[in-house]
Amino acid sequence: MPMAADDIIALIRAGIPDAEVEITDLAGDGDHYAAKVVSETFRGIPRVRQHQKVYEALGGRMGGVLHALQLTTTTP
């Protein structure tokens, strides 16, 4: 069963409380999303670590219920 965009947003915000999250359904199938995550907690850490923080917030759903996520992270 595909994952809803609102569920992705809720998970990311639970793991990164100050995050501003924007989700785009890339294929219209609920399986392929793009996410833009803006958080002050990303300041001063490498982009790969920023992405890891988002994946941690998703709690292991990547590759399972959430098939593909094109991720962009930045600071405010």
N, C-alpha and C. Protein backbone atom coordinates (compact mmCIF):
# COMPACT_ATOMS: atom_id res chain seq x y z
N MET A 1 0.84 -1.19 0.00
CA MET A 1 0.00 0.00 0.00
C MET A 1 0.88 1.25 0.00
N PRO A 2 0.63 2.19 -0.90
CA PRO A 2 1.43 3.40 -0.97
C PRO A 2 1.33 4.23 0.31
N MET A 3 2.28 5.09 0.49
CA MET A 3 2.32 5.96 1.66
C MET A 3 1.80 7.35 1.25
N ALA A 4 0.93 7.93 2.05
CA ALA A 4 0.37 9.25 1.74
C ALA A 4 1.39 10.34 2.05
N ALA A 5 1.35 11.41 1.25
CA ALA A 5 2.25 12.53 1.45
C ALA A 5 2.13 13.10 2.86
N ASP A 6 0.91 13.19 3.39
CA ASP A 6 0.71 13.72 4.74
C ASP A 6 1.40 12.86 5.79
N ASP A 7 1.44 11.55 5.56
CA ASP A 7 2.13 10.65 6.50
C ASP A 7 3.64 10.89 6.46
N ILE A 8 4.18 11.12 5.28
CA ILE A 8 5.61 11.40 5.16
C ILE A 8 5.94 12.70 5.89
N ILE A 9 5.13 13.72 5.68
CA ILE A 9 5.33 15.01 6.35
C ILE A 9 5.29 14.83 7.87
N ALA A 10 4.31 14.10 8.36
CA ALA A 10 4.16 13.89 9.80
C ALA A 10 5.38 13.17 10.39
N LEU A 11 5.88 12.16 9.70
CA LEU A 11 7.04 11.42 10.18
C LEU A 11 8.28 12.31 10.23
N ILE A 12 8.49 13.08 9.16
CA ILE A 12 9.66 13.94 9.12
C ILE A 12 9.58 14.99 10.23
N ARG A 13 8.41 15.59 10.40
CA ARG A 13 8.24 16.61 11.45
C ARG A 13 8.37 16.02 12.85
N ALA A 14 7.98 14.78 13.02
CA ALA A 14 8.14 14.13 14.33
C ALA A 14 9.62 13.95 14.65
N GLY A 15 10.41 13.62 13.63
CA GLY A 15 11.84 13.39 13.83
C GLY A 15 12.67 14.67 13.80
N ILE A 16 12.18 15.67 13.08
CA ILE A 16 12.88 16.96 12.94
C ILE A 16 11.82 18.05 13.18
N PRO A 17 11.54 18.36 14.45
CA PRO A 17 10.38 19.20 14.80
C PRO A 17 10.32 20.57 14.13
N ASP A 18 11.47 21.17 13.82
CA ASP A 18 11.41 22.51 13.21
C ASP A 18 11.35 22.46 11.68
N ALA A 19 11.24 21.27 11.12
CA ALA A 19 11.30 21.11 9.67
C ALA A 19 10.10 21.71 8.95
N GLU A 20 10.40 22.40 7.85
CA GLU A 20 9.38 22.78 6.89
C GLU A 20 9.50 21.74 5.78
N VAL A 21 8.41 21.07 5.47
CA VAL A 21 8.45 19.96 4.53
C VAL A 21 7.48 20.21 3.38
N GLU A 22 7.98 20.04 2.17
CA GLU A 22 7.16 20.16 0.97
C GLU A 22 7.30 18.85 0.19
N ILE A 23 6.18 18.20 -0.09
CA ILE A 23 6.18 16.91 -0.78
C ILE A 23 5.50 17.05 -2.15
N THR A 24 6.11 16.44 -3.16
CA THR A 24 5.53 16.38 -4.50
C THR A 24 5.43 14.92 -4.91
N ASP A 25 4.25 14.49 -5.34
CA ASP A 25 4.06 13.13 -5.86
C ASP A 25 4.51 13.15 -7.32
N LEU A 26 5.65 12.55 -7.60
CA LEU A 26 6.28 12.63 -8.92
C LEU A 26 5.55 11.84 -10.00
N ALA A 27 4.96 10.71 -9.63
CA ALA A 27 4.37 9.84 -10.65
C ALA A 27 2.86 9.70 -10.50
N GLY A 28 2.29 10.31 -9.46
CA GLY A 28 0.85 10.18 -9.23
C GLY A 28 0.44 8.83 -8.70
N ASP A 29 1.43 8.04 -8.26
CA ASP A 29 1.12 6.68 -7.81
C ASP A 29 1.28 6.49 -6.30
N GLY A 30 1.63 7.56 -5.57
CA GLY A 30 1.82 7.44 -4.13
C GLY A 30 3.05 6.64 -3.76
N ASP A 31 3.93 6.44 -4.71
CA ASP A 31 5.11 5.60 -4.50
C ASP A 31 6.42 6.34 -4.77
N HIS A 32 6.35 7.40 -5.55
CA HIS A 32 7.55 8.14 -5.95
C HIS A 32 7.35 9.62 -5.62
N TYR A 33 8.08 10.07 -4.62
CA TYR A 33 7.92 11.43 -4.13
C TYR A 33 9.22 12.21 -4.22
N ALA A 34 9.07 13.53 -4.25
CA ALA A 34 10.18 14.45 -4.03
C ALA A 34 9.86 15.18 -2.73
N ALA A 35 10.86 15.35 -1.89
CA ALA A 35 10.67 16.06 -0.64
C ALA A 35 11.71 17.15 -0.51
N LYS A 36 11.27 18.34 -0.14
CA LYS A 36 12.17 19.42 0.21
C LYS A 36 12.01 19.64 1.71
N VAL A 37 13.11 19.51 2.43
CA VAL A 37 13.08 19.64 3.88
C VAL A 37 14.01 20.78 4.28
N VAL A 38 13.45 21.78 4.95
CA VAL A 38 14.21 22.94 5.40
C VAL A 38 14.24 22.91 6.92
N SER A 39 15.45 22.91 7.50
CA SER A 39 15.57 22.86 8.96
C SER A 39 16.84 23.54 9.42
N GLU A 40 16.74 24.27 10.50
CA GLU A 40 17.90 24.90 11.11
C GLU A 40 18.87 23.84 11.63
N THR A 41 18.37 22.66 11.98
CA THR A 41 19.24 21.59 12.51
C THR A 41 20.24 21.10 11.47
N PHE A 42 20.01 21.42 10.20
CA PHE A 42 20.94 21.01 9.14
C PHE A 42 22.17 21.91 9.06
N ARG A 43 22.11 23.07 9.71
CA ARG A 43 23.21 24.04 9.59
C ARG A 43 24.53 23.43 10.08
N GLY A 44 25.55 23.52 9.21
CA GLY A 44 26.89 23.10 9.59
C GLY A 44 27.15 21.60 9.48
N ILE A 45 26.15 20.82 9.02
CA ILE A 45 26.41 19.39 8.85
C ILE A 45 26.38 19.05 7.35
N PRO A 46 27.18 18.07 6.94
CA PRO A 46 27.24 17.71 5.51
C PRO A 46 25.89 17.24 4.98
N ARG A 47 25.68 17.47 3.69
CA ARG A 47 24.40 17.11 3.06
C ARG A 47 24.07 15.63 3.25
N VAL A 48 25.06 14.76 3.16
CA VAL A 48 24.77 13.33 3.33
C VAL A 48 24.22 13.06 4.73
N ARG A 49 24.72 13.77 5.73
CA ARG A 49 24.21 13.60 7.10
C ARG A 49 22.81 14.20 7.23
N GLN A 50 22.55 15.29 6.51
CA GLN A 50 21.20 15.87 6.51
C GLN A 50 20.20 14.84 5.98
N HIS A 51 20.57 14.18 4.89
CA HIS A 51 19.69 13.17 4.29
C HIS A 51 19.51 12.00 5.26
N GLN A 52 20.58 11.59 5.93
CA GLN A 52 20.47 10.50 6.90
C GLN A 52 19.49 10.85 8.00
N LYS A 53 19.48 12.10 8.45
CA LYS A 53 18.55 12.53 9.50
C LYS A 53 17.10 12.39 9.02
N VAL A 54 16.86 12.72 7.75
CA VAL A 54 15.51 12.57 7.21
C VAL A 54 15.14 11.08 7.13
N TYR A 55 16.06 10.26 6.64
CA TYR A 55 15.78 8.82 6.55
C TYR A 55 15.53 8.22 7.93
N GLU A 56 16.28 8.67 8.94
CA GLU A 56 16.07 8.21 10.31
C GLU A 56 14.66 8.59 10.78
N ALA A 57 14.22 9.80 10.44
CA ALA A 57 12.88 10.24 10.82
C ALA A 57 11.81 9.37 10.16
N LEU A 58 12.10 8.85 8.97
CA LEU A 58 11.15 7.98 8.27
C LEU A 58 11.13 6.57 8.84
N GLY A 59 12.01 6.29 9.76
CA GLY A 59 11.96 5.03 10.52
C GLY A 59 12.05 3.76 9.71
N GLY A 60 12.92 3.71 8.72
CA GLY A 60 13.12 2.47 7.98
C GLY A 60 12.08 2.19 6.92
N ARG A 61 11.25 3.17 6.60
CA ARG A 61 10.21 2.94 5.58
C ARG A 61 10.75 3.07 4.15
N MET A 62 11.93 3.67 3.99
CA MET A 62 12.51 3.80 2.65
C MET A 62 12.79 2.42 2.07
N GLY A 63 12.41 2.24 0.82
CA GLY A 63 12.64 0.97 0.15
C GLY A 63 11.56 -0.05 0.45
N GLY A 64 10.73 0.25 1.44
CA GLY A 64 9.61 -0.64 1.77
C GLY A 64 8.32 0.01 1.31
N VAL A 65 7.55 0.51 2.29
CA VAL A 65 6.29 1.17 1.98
C VAL A 65 6.51 2.46 1.20
N LEU A 66 7.67 3.07 1.37
CA LEU A 66 8.03 4.27 0.61
C LEU A 66 9.12 3.88 -0.37
N HIS A 67 8.73 3.75 -1.64
CA HIS A 67 9.63 3.19 -2.64
C HIS A 67 10.75 4.14 -3.05
N ALA A 68 10.40 5.38 -3.38
CA ALA A 68 11.41 6.30 -3.88
C ALA A 68 11.15 7.70 -3.35
N LEU A 69 12.23 8.34 -2.89
CA LEU A 69 12.13 9.70 -2.38
C LEU A 69 13.32 10.51 -2.89
N GLN A 70 13.02 11.48 -3.75
CA GLN A 70 14.03 12.41 -4.23
C GLN A 70 14.12 13.51 -3.17
N LEU A 71 15.26 13.61 -2.52
CA LEU A 71 15.38 14.44 -1.33
C LEU A 71 16.25 15.67 -1.56
N THR A 72 15.74 16.82 -1.14
CA THR A 72 16.50 18.07 -1.13
C THR A 72 16.44 18.59 0.30
N THR A 73 17.61 18.89 0.87
CA THR A 73 17.65 19.44 2.22
C THR A 73 18.41 20.75 2.21
N THR A 74 17.99 21.66 3.07
CA THR A 74 18.64 22.97 3.16
C THR A 74 18.34 23.62 4.50
N THR A 75 19.04 24.71 4.77
CA THR A 75 18.77 25.48 5.98
C THR A 75 17.91 26.69 5.60
N PRO A 76 17.21 27.26 6.57
CA PRO A 76 16.38 28.43 6.28
C PRO A 76 17.20 29.62 5.80
